[in-house]
Amino acid sequence: MIKSCYVQVDRALWTKRREEALKRFLEDIEIGYADRDIIDFIKLVFTKRNVFTTSSCSGRITIVDALYPWLRDESYIVFKKHEPVTVEEVVSIVSSKPLHRFWLISSGPIIHFIAPGIEVACKVLSIAREAGFKHSGIISVSEEGVVIEVVSGTWTSFLLKDGEYVLVNDLNKVVAIANEILIEGKKRLEKLFKMFKEVDI
């Protein structure tokens, strides 16, 4: 049994965490750091009584310098964009030499919701899965709330360059597919947005 499942959420701590998250979100908008494609959705979430978000991403295309695309340590993001990319943008990176390998990664939305209890968390999960976010679940329970990680599952990676060797013959096709995957994830986010408008949480 997971011991943390028996932890009782402290509503006062949950509310304090919600206030801090909202303040940080508004600051991110002000300085231009917030992901523009997810701002309206997060604003909507903060109008709900029993749920809020912390880290959220509408989906992005990155180029990382790493031995393998899933590594965290010794992995460096050299390019990041939350919108479709152009071949020219990718070429500008590939023309340089990586420390390890250049991987182009297209990944869908990921959102972390915080609920004040298991019942609300399960409701959020049900909505998310109906919207196409099948790879979602409760990842932690503490006095500050129940954390739900909502993931679209739309993801792929392309090995662009290994040391000095360019491994992609048709960069136009690779970029087109990466953009398709990004857009598919954003469509699921739009569906989730519409469903949240109609639900009372």
N, C-alpha and C. Protein backbone atom coordinates (compact mmCIF):
# COMPACT_ATOMS: atom_id res chain seq x y z
N MET A 1 0.84 -1.20 0.00
CA MET A 1 0.00 0.00 0.00
C MET A 1 0.88 1.25 0.00
N ILE A 2 0.40 2.30 -0.68
CA ILE A 2 1.12 3.56 -0.70
C ILE A 2 0.70 4.38 0.51
N LYS A 3 1.63 4.64 1.39
CA LYS A 3 1.34 5.33 2.63
C LYS A 3 0.72 6.70 2.41
N SER A 4 1.21 7.43 1.37
CA SER A 4 0.75 8.80 1.13
C SER A 4 -0.74 8.88 0.81
N CYS A 5 -1.35 7.77 0.38
CA CYS A 5 -2.78 7.78 0.06
C CYS A 5 -3.64 8.03 1.29
N TYR A 6 -3.06 7.85 2.47
CA TYR A 6 -3.82 8.05 3.70
C TYR A 6 -3.64 9.45 4.27
N VAL A 7 -2.89 10.29 3.59
CA VAL A 7 -2.67 11.65 4.05
C VAL A 7 -3.93 12.48 3.83
N GLN A 8 -4.31 13.24 4.83
CA GLN A 8 -5.47 14.12 4.73
C GLN A 8 -5.03 15.48 4.20
N VAL A 9 -5.68 15.96 3.15
CA VAL A 9 -5.34 17.26 2.59
C VAL A 9 -5.80 18.37 3.54
N ASP A 10 -4.90 19.30 3.82
CA ASP A 10 -5.21 20.47 4.65
C ASP A 10 -5.71 21.57 3.72
N ARG A 11 -6.98 21.91 3.83
CA ARG A 11 -7.57 22.89 2.90
C ARG A 11 -6.87 24.25 2.99
N ALA A 12 -6.42 24.63 4.17
CA ALA A 12 -5.73 25.91 4.32
C ALA A 12 -4.40 25.91 3.56
N LEU A 13 -3.66 24.80 3.65
CA LEU A 13 -2.39 24.69 2.93
C LEU A 13 -2.64 24.64 1.42
N TRP A 14 -3.71 23.93 1.03
CA TRP A 14 -4.07 23.83 -0.38
C TRP A 14 -4.40 25.23 -0.93
N THR A 15 -5.17 26.00 -0.17
CA THR A 15 -5.56 27.35 -0.59
C THR A 15 -4.35 28.26 -0.71
N LYS A 16 -3.42 28.15 0.24
CA LYS A 16 -2.20 28.95 0.19
C LYS A 16 -1.39 28.61 -1.05
N ARG A 17 -1.29 27.33 -1.35
CA ARG A 17 -0.54 26.88 -2.53
C ARG A 17 -1.23 27.39 -3.81
N ARG A 18 -2.55 27.40 -3.81
CA ARG A 18 -3.30 27.90 -4.96
C ARG A 18 -3.02 29.39 -5.18
N GLU A 19 -3.02 30.15 -4.11
CA GLU A 19 -2.75 31.59 -4.21
C GLU A 19 -1.34 31.86 -4.74
N GLU A 20 -0.38 31.06 -4.28
CA GLU A 20 1.00 31.22 -4.75
C GLU A 20 1.12 30.87 -6.23
N ALA A 21 0.41 29.82 -6.65
CA ALA A 21 0.45 29.41 -8.05
C ALA A 21 -0.18 30.46 -8.95
N LEU A 22 -1.27 31.05 -8.51
CA LEU A 22 -1.93 32.09 -9.30
C LEU A 22 -1.03 33.32 -9.43
N LYS A 23 -0.39 33.69 -8.34
CA LYS A 23 0.52 34.85 -8.37
C LYS A 23 1.67 34.61 -9.34
N ARG A 24 2.24 33.41 -9.30
CA ARG A 24 3.37 33.06 -10.18
C ARG A 24 2.91 33.06 -11.65
N PHE A 25 1.71 32.55 -11.90
CA PHE A 25 1.16 32.50 -13.25
C PHE A 25 0.96 33.92 -13.81
N LEU A 26 0.41 34.82 -13.01
CA LEU A 26 0.19 36.20 -13.46
C LEU A 26 1.51 36.92 -13.70
N GLU A 27 2.51 36.61 -12.89
CA GLU A 27 3.84 37.20 -13.09
C GLU A 27 4.46 36.69 -14.39
N ASP A 28 4.27 35.40 -14.68
CA ASP A 28 4.80 34.81 -15.92
C ASP A 28 4.17 35.47 -17.15
N ILE A 29 2.88 35.78 -17.07
CA ILE A 29 2.21 36.48 -18.18
C ILE A 29 2.81 37.86 -18.36
N GLU A 30 3.02 38.55 -17.25
CA GLU A 30 3.51 39.93 -17.29
C GLU A 30 4.91 40.02 -17.91
N ILE A 31 5.76 39.06 -17.61
CA ILE A 31 7.14 39.13 -18.12
C ILE A 31 7.28 38.42 -19.47
N GLY A 32 6.17 37.84 -19.95
CA GLY A 32 6.20 37.19 -21.25
C GLY A 32 6.75 35.78 -21.24
N TYR A 33 6.81 35.17 -20.06
CA TYR A 33 7.38 33.83 -19.94
C TYR A 33 6.33 32.74 -20.17
N ALA A 34 5.05 33.07 -19.95
CA ALA A 34 3.99 32.06 -20.03
C ALA A 34 3.79 31.56 -21.46
N ASP A 35 3.48 30.29 -21.57
CA ASP A 35 3.16 29.65 -22.85
C ASP A 35 1.83 30.23 -23.34
N ARG A 36 1.86 30.99 -24.42
CA ARG A 36 0.68 31.73 -24.89
C ARG A 36 -0.50 30.84 -25.23
N ASP A 37 -0.24 29.64 -25.75
CA ASP A 37 -1.32 28.76 -26.20
C ASP A 37 -2.10 28.12 -25.06
N ILE A 38 -1.64 28.30 -23.83
CA ILE A 38 -2.34 27.67 -22.72
C ILE A 38 -2.83 28.70 -21.69
N ILE A 39 -2.56 29.97 -21.92
CA ILE A 39 -2.93 31.02 -20.96
C ILE A 39 -4.44 31.04 -20.69
N ASP A 40 -5.25 31.02 -21.74
CA ASP A 40 -6.71 31.10 -21.55
C ASP A 40 -7.23 29.89 -20.78
N PHE A 41 -6.64 28.73 -21.05
CA PHE A 41 -7.07 27.53 -20.33
C PHE A 41 -6.74 27.63 -18.84
N ILE A 42 -5.54 28.09 -18.52
CA ILE A 42 -5.16 28.21 -17.11
C ILE A 42 -6.02 29.25 -16.40
N LYS A 43 -6.31 30.34 -17.09
CA LYS A 43 -7.21 31.35 -16.50
C LYS A 43 -8.55 30.72 -16.16
N LEU A 44 -9.06 29.88 -17.06
CA LEU A 44 -10.33 29.19 -16.81
C LEU A 44 -10.23 28.29 -15.59
N VAL A 45 -9.15 27.53 -15.50
CA VAL A 45 -8.97 26.61 -14.37
C VAL A 45 -8.99 27.36 -13.05
N PHE A 46 -8.38 28.54 -13.02
CA PHE A 46 -8.34 29.30 -11.78
C PHE A 46 -9.68 29.92 -11.40
N THR A 47 -10.69 29.81 -12.27
CA THR A 47 -12.03 30.26 -11.90
C THR A 47 -12.79 29.14 -11.18
N LYS A 48 -12.27 27.93 -11.21
CA LYS A 48 -12.91 26.80 -10.55
C LYS A 48 -12.57 26.80 -9.05
N ARG A 49 -13.48 26.34 -8.24
CA ARG A 49 -13.32 26.39 -6.78
C ARG A 49 -12.34 25.35 -6.25
N ASN A 50 -12.32 24.17 -6.89
CA ASN A 50 -11.64 23.03 -6.27
C ASN A 50 -10.50 22.44 -7.09
N VAL A 51 -9.89 23.24 -7.94
CA VAL A 51 -8.74 22.76 -8.69
C VAL A 51 -7.93 23.95 -9.18
N PHE A 52 -6.62 23.76 -9.30
CA PHE A 52 -5.77 24.76 -9.92
C PHE A 52 -4.60 24.05 -10.58
N THR A 53 -3.78 24.80 -11.32
CA THR A 53 -2.63 24.19 -11.99
C THR A 53 -1.34 24.81 -11.47
N THR A 54 -0.28 24.04 -11.60
CA THR A 54 1.07 24.57 -11.30
C THR A 54 1.82 24.66 -12.62
N SER A 55 2.56 23.64 -12.99
CA SER A 55 3.29 23.67 -14.27
C SER A 55 2.38 23.19 -15.39
N SER A 56 2.40 23.93 -16.49
CA SER A 56 1.55 23.58 -17.63
C SER A 56 2.27 23.91 -18.93
N CYS A 57 2.05 23.07 -19.94
CA CYS A 57 2.66 23.29 -21.25
C CYS A 57 1.66 22.85 -22.31
N SER A 58 1.49 23.65 -23.35
CA SER A 58 0.52 23.35 -24.41
C SER A 58 1.07 22.38 -25.45
N GLY A 59 2.31 21.96 -25.25
CA GLY A 59 3.01 21.15 -26.24
C GLY A 59 4.15 21.96 -26.81
N ARG A 60 5.22 21.29 -27.20
CA ARG A 60 6.37 22.03 -27.70
C ARG A 60 7.25 21.16 -28.59
N ILE A 61 8.05 21.83 -29.38
CA ILE A 61 9.07 21.17 -30.18
C ILE A 61 10.42 21.65 -29.65
N THR A 62 11.27 20.71 -29.30
CA THR A 62 12.59 21.06 -28.78
C THR A 62 13.66 20.32 -29.58
N ILE A 63 14.85 20.87 -29.53
CA ILE A 63 16.03 20.14 -29.99
C ILE A 63 16.94 20.05 -28.78
N VAL A 64 17.28 18.83 -28.40
CA VAL A 64 18.13 18.62 -27.24
C VAL A 64 19.45 18.00 -27.67
N ASP A 65 20.48 18.35 -26.93
CA ASP A 65 21.80 17.76 -27.12
C ASP A 65 21.98 16.74 -26.01
N ALA A 66 21.87 15.48 -26.36
CA ALA A 66 21.93 14.41 -25.36
C ALA A 66 22.31 13.10 -26.03
N LEU A 67 22.80 12.17 -25.23
CA LEU A 67 23.11 10.84 -25.75
C LEU A 67 21.83 10.12 -26.16
N TYR A 68 20.79 10.25 -25.30
CA TYR A 68 19.47 9.68 -25.57
C TYR A 68 18.40 10.72 -25.27
N PRO A 69 17.27 10.71 -25.96
CA PRO A 69 16.28 11.78 -25.81
C PRO A 69 15.56 11.81 -24.48
N TRP A 70 15.58 10.71 -23.71
CA TRP A 70 14.86 10.67 -22.45
C TRP A 70 15.73 11.08 -21.24
N LEU A 71 17.01 11.32 -21.47
CA LEU A 71 17.90 11.66 -20.36
C LEU A 71 17.65 13.06 -19.83
N ARG A 72 17.77 13.22 -18.51
CA ARG A 72 17.66 14.53 -17.87
C ARG A 72 19.04 15.11 -17.58
N ASP A 73 19.86 14.31 -16.92
CA ASP A 73 21.23 14.75 -16.64
C ASP A 73 22.06 14.71 -17.93
N GLU A 74 22.96 15.66 -18.05
CA GLU A 74 23.82 15.76 -19.23
C GLU A 74 22.99 15.88 -20.51
N SER A 75 21.84 16.56 -20.38
CA SER A 75 20.99 16.84 -21.53
C SER A 75 20.76 18.34 -21.59
N TYR A 76 20.91 18.92 -22.77
CA TYR A 76 20.82 20.37 -22.91
C TYR A 76 19.79 20.75 -23.98
N ILE A 77 18.84 21.57 -23.61
CA ILE A 77 17.88 22.07 -24.58
C ILE A 77 18.53 23.22 -25.35
N VAL A 78 18.68 23.06 -26.64
CA VAL A 78 19.32 24.09 -27.46
C VAL A 78 18.31 24.87 -28.30
N PHE A 79 17.06 24.37 -28.33
CA PHE A 79 15.99 25.06 -29.07
C PHE A 79 14.66 24.64 -28.47
N LYS A 80 13.74 25.61 -28.34
CA LYS A 80 12.41 25.29 -27.80
C LYS A 80 11.39 26.25 -28.39
N LYS A 81 10.25 25.70 -28.80
CA LYS A 81 9.17 26.52 -29.35
C LYS A 81 7.83 25.83 -29.11
N HIS A 82 6.83 26.61 -28.67
CA HIS A 82 5.50 26.05 -28.42
C HIS A 82 4.60 26.12 -29.64
N GLU A 83 5.16 26.50 -30.76
CA GLU A 83 4.43 26.63 -32.01
C GLU A 83 5.13 25.81 -33.09
N PRO A 84 4.47 25.56 -34.23
CA PRO A 84 5.15 24.84 -35.32
C PRO A 84 6.47 25.51 -35.71
N VAL A 85 7.41 24.70 -36.11
CA VAL A 85 8.75 25.20 -36.45
C VAL A 85 8.96 25.18 -37.95
N THR A 86 9.98 25.87 -38.39
CA THR A 86 10.34 25.88 -39.81
C THR A 86 11.62 25.07 -40.02
N VAL A 87 11.83 24.66 -41.24
CA VAL A 87 13.05 23.93 -41.59
C VAL A 87 14.27 24.80 -41.32
N GLU A 88 14.14 26.09 -41.62
CA GLU A 88 15.26 27.01 -41.44
C GLU A 88 15.69 27.09 -39.97
N GLU A 89 14.72 27.05 -39.06
CA GLU A 89 15.04 27.10 -37.63
C GLU A 89 15.81 25.85 -37.21
N VAL A 90 15.42 24.72 -37.75
CA VAL A 90 16.10 23.46 -37.42
C VAL A 90 17.50 23.42 -38.03
N VAL A 91 17.61 23.86 -39.27
CA VAL A 91 18.91 23.88 -39.96
C VAL A 91 19.92 24.73 -39.20
N SER A 92 19.46 25.84 -38.62
CA SER A 92 20.36 26.74 -37.89
C SER A 92 21.00 26.04 -36.70
N ILE A 93 20.30 25.03 -36.15
CA ILE A 93 20.86 24.26 -35.03
C ILE A 93 21.73 23.12 -35.56
N VAL A 94 21.22 22.40 -36.53
CA VAL A 94 21.92 21.22 -37.04
C VAL A 94 23.26 21.58 -37.68
N SER A 95 23.39 22.81 -38.14
CA SER A 95 24.65 23.22 -38.77
C SER A 95 25.81 23.29 -37.78
N SER A 96 25.49 23.32 -36.49
CA SER A 96 26.55 23.30 -35.47
C SER A 96 26.80 21.86 -35.01
N LYS A 97 27.86 21.65 -34.25
CA LYS A 97 28.21 20.31 -33.79
C LYS A 97 27.74 20.10 -32.36
N PRO A 98 27.02 19.01 -32.08
CA PRO A 98 26.57 18.73 -30.71
C PRO A 98 27.68 18.16 -29.84
N LEU A 99 27.49 18.25 -28.54
CA LEU A 99 28.40 17.56 -27.63
C LEU A 99 28.19 16.06 -27.75
N HIS A 100 26.91 15.67 -27.89
CA HIS A 100 26.56 14.25 -28.01
C HIS A 100 25.82 14.01 -29.33
N ARG A 101 24.49 14.19 -29.27
CA ARG A 101 23.62 14.02 -30.44
C ARG A 101 22.52 15.07 -30.39
N PHE A 102 22.08 15.50 -31.55
CA PHE A 102 20.92 16.39 -31.63
C PHE A 102 19.67 15.56 -31.87
N TRP A 103 18.70 15.69 -30.96
CA TRP A 103 17.41 15.04 -31.11
C TRP A 103 16.33 16.10 -31.25
N LEU A 104 15.47 15.96 -32.24
CA LEU A 104 14.30 16.82 -32.35
C LEU A 104 13.13 16.08 -31.70
N ILE A 105 12.51 16.72 -30.71
CA ILE A 105 11.44 16.08 -29.96
C ILE A 105 10.17 16.91 -30.08
N SER A 106 9.09 16.27 -30.50
CA SER A 106 7.78 16.91 -30.56
C SER A 106 6.91 16.26 -29.49
N SER A 107 6.45 17.05 -28.54
CA SER A 107 5.67 16.50 -27.43
C SER A 107 4.40 17.30 -27.20
N GLY A 108 3.36 16.60 -26.77
CA GLY A 108 2.05 17.20 -26.56
C GLY A 108 1.92 17.88 -25.21
N PRO A 109 0.73 18.36 -24.91
CA PRO A 109 0.49 19.09 -23.65
C PRO A 109 0.74 18.22 -22.41
N ILE A 110 1.19 18.88 -21.36
CA ILE A 110 1.29 18.26 -20.04
C ILE A 110 0.88 19.30 -19.00
N ILE A 111 -0.04 18.92 -18.15
CA ILE A 111 -0.60 19.84 -17.16
C ILE A 111 -0.63 19.16 -15.80
N HIS A 112 -0.24 19.89 -14.78
CA HIS A 112 -0.33 19.38 -13.41
C HIS A 112 -1.44 20.12 -12.68
N PHE A 113 -2.48 19.38 -12.33
CA PHE A 113 -3.59 19.91 -11.56
C PHE A 113 -3.41 19.55 -10.09
N ILE A 114 -3.88 20.43 -9.22
CA ILE A 114 -3.85 20.16 -7.78
C ILE A 114 -5.28 20.23 -7.26
N ALA A 115 -5.75 19.13 -6.70
CA ALA A 115 -7.11 19.04 -6.16
C ALA A 115 -7.06 18.93 -4.64
N PRO A 116 -8.14 19.33 -3.97
CA PRO A 116 -8.16 19.26 -2.50
C PRO A 116 -8.60 17.91 -1.96
N GLY A 117 -8.83 16.95 -2.84
CA GLY A 117 -9.24 15.62 -2.39
C GLY A 117 -9.30 14.63 -3.55
N ILE A 118 -9.41 13.34 -3.21
CA ILE A 118 -9.41 12.28 -4.20
C ILE A 118 -10.63 12.35 -5.11
N GLU A 119 -11.77 12.73 -4.56
CA GLU A 119 -13.00 12.77 -5.36
C GLU A 119 -12.87 13.76 -6.52
N VAL A 120 -12.37 14.95 -6.23
CA VAL A 120 -12.17 15.96 -7.28
C VAL A 120 -11.08 15.49 -8.26
N ALA A 121 -10.02 14.89 -7.72
CA ALA A 121 -8.93 14.40 -8.57
C ALA A 121 -9.44 13.38 -9.58
N CYS A 122 -10.30 12.48 -9.13
CA CYS A 122 -10.86 11.46 -10.02
C CYS A 122 -11.75 12.09 -11.09
N LYS A 123 -12.45 13.16 -10.72
CA LYS A 123 -13.30 13.86 -11.68
C LYS A 123 -12.44 14.51 -12.77
N VAL A 124 -11.34 15.14 -12.35
CA VAL A 124 -10.42 15.76 -13.31
C VAL A 124 -9.84 14.69 -14.25
N LEU A 125 -9.46 13.55 -13.69
CA LEU A 125 -8.91 12.45 -14.49
C LEU A 125 -9.92 11.96 -15.52
N SER A 126 -11.18 11.84 -15.11
CA SER A 126 -12.23 11.37 -16.00
C SER A 126 -12.41 12.32 -17.18
N ILE A 127 -12.41 13.63 -16.90
CA ILE A 127 -12.54 14.64 -17.95
C ILE A 127 -11.34 14.58 -18.90
N ALA A 128 -10.15 14.49 -18.31
CA ALA A 128 -8.92 14.48 -19.11
C ALA A 128 -8.88 13.28 -20.05
N ARG A 129 -9.24 12.12 -19.56
CA ARG A 129 -9.19 10.92 -20.39
C ARG A 129 -10.24 10.97 -21.50
N GLU A 130 -11.39 11.54 -21.20
CA GLU A 130 -12.42 11.69 -22.23
C GLU A 130 -11.97 12.65 -23.33
N ALA A 131 -11.12 13.62 -22.97
CA ALA A 131 -10.60 14.60 -23.94
C ALA A 131 -9.43 14.06 -24.73
N GLY A 132 -9.00 12.83 -24.43
CA GLY A 132 -7.91 12.22 -25.18
C GLY A 132 -6.59 12.15 -24.46
N PHE A 133 -6.57 12.55 -23.19
CA PHE A 133 -5.33 12.52 -22.39
C PHE A 133 -5.29 11.19 -21.62
N LYS A 134 -5.04 10.13 -22.36
CA LYS A 134 -5.11 8.78 -21.78
C LYS A 134 -3.97 8.48 -20.82
N HIS A 135 -2.82 9.12 -21.01
CA HIS A 135 -1.64 8.83 -20.20
C HIS A 135 -1.61 9.78 -18.99
N SER A 136 -2.61 9.68 -18.15
CA SER A 136 -2.76 10.61 -17.02
C SER A 136 -3.01 9.83 -15.75
N GLY A 137 -2.67 10.44 -14.62
CA GLY A 137 -2.90 9.76 -13.35
C GLY A 137 -2.52 10.62 -12.16
N ILE A 138 -2.88 10.14 -10.98
CA ILE A 138 -2.51 10.79 -9.72
C ILE A 138 -1.06 10.42 -9.41
N ILE A 139 -0.21 11.42 -9.22
CA ILE A 139 1.21 11.13 -9.00
C ILE A 139 1.66 11.39 -7.57
N SER A 140 0.88 12.13 -6.78
CA SER A 140 1.25 12.31 -5.37
C SER A 140 0.06 12.81 -4.56
N VAL A 141 0.12 12.50 -3.27
CA VAL A 141 -0.90 12.97 -2.33
C VAL A 141 -0.17 13.49 -1.10
N SER A 142 -0.47 14.73 -0.72
CA SER A 142 0.15 15.32 0.46
C SER A 142 -0.84 16.23 1.16
N GLU A 143 -0.41 16.85 2.24
CA GLU A 143 -1.28 17.77 2.96
C GLU A 143 -1.64 18.99 2.11
N GLU A 144 -0.82 19.27 1.08
CA GLU A 144 -1.05 20.43 0.22
C GLU A 144 -1.94 20.13 -0.97
N GLY A 145 -2.31 18.86 -1.16
CA GLY A 145 -3.22 18.54 -2.25
C GLY A 145 -2.87 17.27 -2.99
N VAL A 146 -3.79 16.86 -3.87
CA VAL A 146 -3.63 15.68 -4.71
C VAL A 146 -3.16 16.17 -6.09
N VAL A 147 -2.01 15.69 -6.53
CA VAL A 147 -1.44 16.13 -7.80
C VAL A 147 -1.82 15.16 -8.91
N ILE A 148 -2.45 15.70 -9.96
CA ILE A 148 -2.84 14.90 -11.12
C ILE A 148 -1.98 15.35 -12.30
N GLU A 149 -1.28 14.41 -12.91
CA GLU A 149 -0.50 14.72 -14.11
C GLU A 149 -1.30 14.31 -15.33
N VAL A 150 -1.63 15.28 -16.16
CA VAL A 150 -2.43 15.04 -17.36
C VAL A 150 -1.52 15.14 -18.58
N VAL A 151 -1.40 14.03 -19.31
CA VAL A 151 -0.46 13.93 -20.43
C VAL A 151 -1.20 13.40 -21.66
N SER A 152 -0.96 14.03 -22.80
CA SER A 152 -1.67 13.63 -24.02
C SER A 152 -1.15 12.32 -24.59
N GLY A 153 0.14 12.05 -24.42
CA GLY A 153 0.74 10.85 -25.01
C GLY A 153 1.20 11.06 -26.44
N THR A 154 0.94 12.26 -27.01
CA THR A 154 1.43 12.56 -28.36
C THR A 154 2.89 12.98 -28.25
N TRP A 155 3.79 12.14 -28.75
CA TRP A 155 5.23 12.37 -28.56
C TRP A 155 6.02 11.57 -29.58
N THR A 156 7.07 12.16 -30.09
CA THR A 156 8.02 11.41 -30.90
C THR A 156 9.36 12.13 -30.90
N SER A 157 10.41 11.40 -31.28
CA SER A 157 11.74 12.01 -31.37
C SER A 157 12.41 11.57 -32.67
N PHE A 158 13.25 12.44 -33.19
CA PHE A 158 14.03 12.16 -34.39
C PHE A 158 15.50 12.44 -34.08
N LEU A 159 16.37 11.48 -34.41
CA LEU A 159 17.80 11.71 -34.27
C LEU A 159 18.29 12.47 -35.50
N LEU A 160 18.72 13.71 -35.28
CA LEU A 160 19.13 14.57 -36.38
C LEU A 160 20.62 14.45 -36.70
N LYS A 161 21.43 14.42 -35.63
CA LYS A 161 22.88 14.46 -35.85
C LYS A 161 23.61 13.74 -34.73
N ASP A 162 24.55 12.93 -35.09
CA ASP A 162 25.38 12.20 -34.13
C ASP A 162 26.82 12.66 -34.33
N GLY A 163 27.28 13.50 -33.40
CA GLY A 163 28.61 14.08 -33.58
C GLY A 163 28.63 14.96 -34.83
N GLU A 164 29.48 14.63 -35.78
CA GLU A 164 29.58 15.40 -37.03
C GLU A 164 28.67 14.88 -38.12
N TYR A 165 28.01 13.74 -37.87
CA TYR A 165 27.25 13.07 -38.93
C TYR A 165 25.77 13.44 -38.89
N VAL A 166 25.29 14.07 -39.96
CA VAL A 166 23.87 14.38 -40.11
C VAL A 166 23.16 13.11 -40.57
N LEU A 167 22.09 12.72 -39.86
CA LEU A 167 21.43 11.44 -40.12
C LEU A 167 20.07 11.58 -40.79
N VAL A 168 19.67 12.80 -41.13
CA VAL A 168 18.37 13.01 -41.74
C VAL A 168 18.55 13.42 -43.20
N ASN A 169 17.94 12.66 -44.10
CA ASN A 169 18.03 12.98 -45.53
C ASN A 169 16.93 13.95 -45.96
N ASP A 170 15.76 13.84 -45.33
CA ASP A 170 14.62 14.67 -45.72
C ASP A 170 14.14 15.47 -44.51
N LEU A 171 14.82 16.57 -44.24
CA LEU A 171 14.48 17.40 -43.08
C LEU A 171 13.09 18.03 -43.22
N ASN A 172 12.67 18.32 -44.44
CA ASN A 172 11.34 18.87 -44.66
C ASN A 172 10.25 17.93 -44.13
N LYS A 173 10.41 16.64 -44.40
CA LYS A 173 9.43 15.65 -43.94
C LYS A 173 9.46 15.51 -42.43
N VAL A 174 10.64 15.49 -41.85
CA VAL A 174 10.77 15.38 -40.40
C VAL A 174 10.07 16.55 -39.70
N VAL A 175 10.32 17.75 -40.18
CA VAL A 175 9.71 18.95 -39.60
C VAL A 175 8.19 18.92 -39.76
N ALA A 176 7.72 18.47 -40.92
CA ALA A 176 6.28 18.39 -41.16
C ALA A 176 5.61 17.43 -40.19
N ILE A 177 6.22 16.28 -39.95
CA ILE A 177 5.66 15.29 -39.02
C ILE A 177 5.69 15.83 -37.59
N ALA A 178 6.79 16.45 -37.21
CA ALA A 178 6.90 17.03 -35.86
C ALA A 178 5.80 18.07 -35.63
N ASN A 179 5.55 18.89 -36.64
CA ASN A 179 4.49 19.91 -36.53
C ASN A 179 3.10 19.27 -36.45
N GLU A 180 2.89 18.20 -37.21
CA GLU A 180 1.61 17.47 -37.16
C GLU A 180 1.33 16.96 -35.75
N ILE A 181 2.35 16.39 -35.12
CA ILE A 181 2.20 15.83 -33.78
C ILE A 181 1.93 16.94 -32.77
N LEU A 182 2.63 18.06 -32.91
CA LEU A 182 2.39 19.21 -32.03
C LEU A 182 0.95 19.69 -32.14
N ILE A 183 0.47 19.82 -33.37
CA ILE A 183 -0.90 20.32 -33.60
C ILE A 183 -1.94 19.35 -33.08
N GLU A 184 -1.70 18.05 -33.22
CA GLU A 184 -2.63 17.05 -32.69
C GLU A 184 -2.78 17.20 -31.18
N GLY A 185 -1.66 17.42 -30.49
CA GLY A 185 -1.72 17.61 -29.04
C GLY A 185 -2.50 18.86 -28.68
N LYS A 186 -2.33 19.92 -29.44
CA LYS A 186 -3.04 21.18 -29.16
C LYS A 186 -4.54 21.03 -29.42
N LYS A 187 -4.92 20.17 -30.36
CA LYS A 187 -6.34 19.90 -30.60
C LYS A 187 -6.96 19.22 -29.38
N ARG A 188 -6.22 18.32 -28.76
CA ARG A 188 -6.71 17.66 -27.55
C ARG A 188 -6.83 18.65 -26.40
N LEU A 189 -5.89 19.58 -26.33
CA LEU A 189 -5.96 20.63 -25.31
C LEU A 189 -7.20 21.50 -25.51
N GLU A 190 -7.53 21.80 -26.74
CA GLU A 190 -8.72 22.60 -27.05
C GLU A 190 -9.99 21.86 -26.61
N LYS A 191 -10.01 20.55 -26.82
CA LYS A 191 -11.15 19.74 -26.38
C LYS A 191 -11.26 19.76 -24.86
N LEU A 192 -10.12 19.64 -24.19
CA LEU A 192 -10.11 19.69 -22.73
C LEU A 192 -10.61 21.05 -22.24
N PHE A 193 -10.21 22.12 -22.92
CA PHE A 193 -10.63 23.48 -22.60
C PHE A 193 -12.16 23.58 -22.66
N LYS A 194 -12.74 23.08 -23.74
CA LYS A 194 -14.20 23.13 -23.91
C LYS A 194 -14.92 22.34 -22.83
N MET A 195 -14.37 21.20 -22.46
CA MET A 195 -15.01 20.37 -21.43
C MET A 195 -14.93 21.03 -20.06
N PHE A 196 -13.81 21.72 -19.78
CA PHE A 196 -13.67 22.41 -18.50
C PHE A 196 -14.63 23.59 -18.39
N LYS A 197 -14.99 24.20 -19.52
CA LYS A 197 -15.94 25.30 -19.51
C LYS A 197 -17.30 24.85 -19.01
N GLU A 198 -17.62 23.58 -19.29
CA GLU A 198 -18.95 23.06 -18.98
C GLU A 198 -19.05 22.35 -17.65
N VAL A 199 -17.94 22.08 -17.02
CA VAL A 199 -17.96 21.28 -15.78
C VAL A 199 -17.92 22.17 -14.54
N ASP A 200 -18.60 21.72 -13.51
CA ASP A 200 -18.59 22.41 -12.22
C ASP A 200 -17.70 21.65 -11.26
N ILE A 201 -16.53 22.23 -10.98
CA ILE A 201 -15.58 21.57 -10.06
C ILE A 201 -15.32 22.51 -8.89
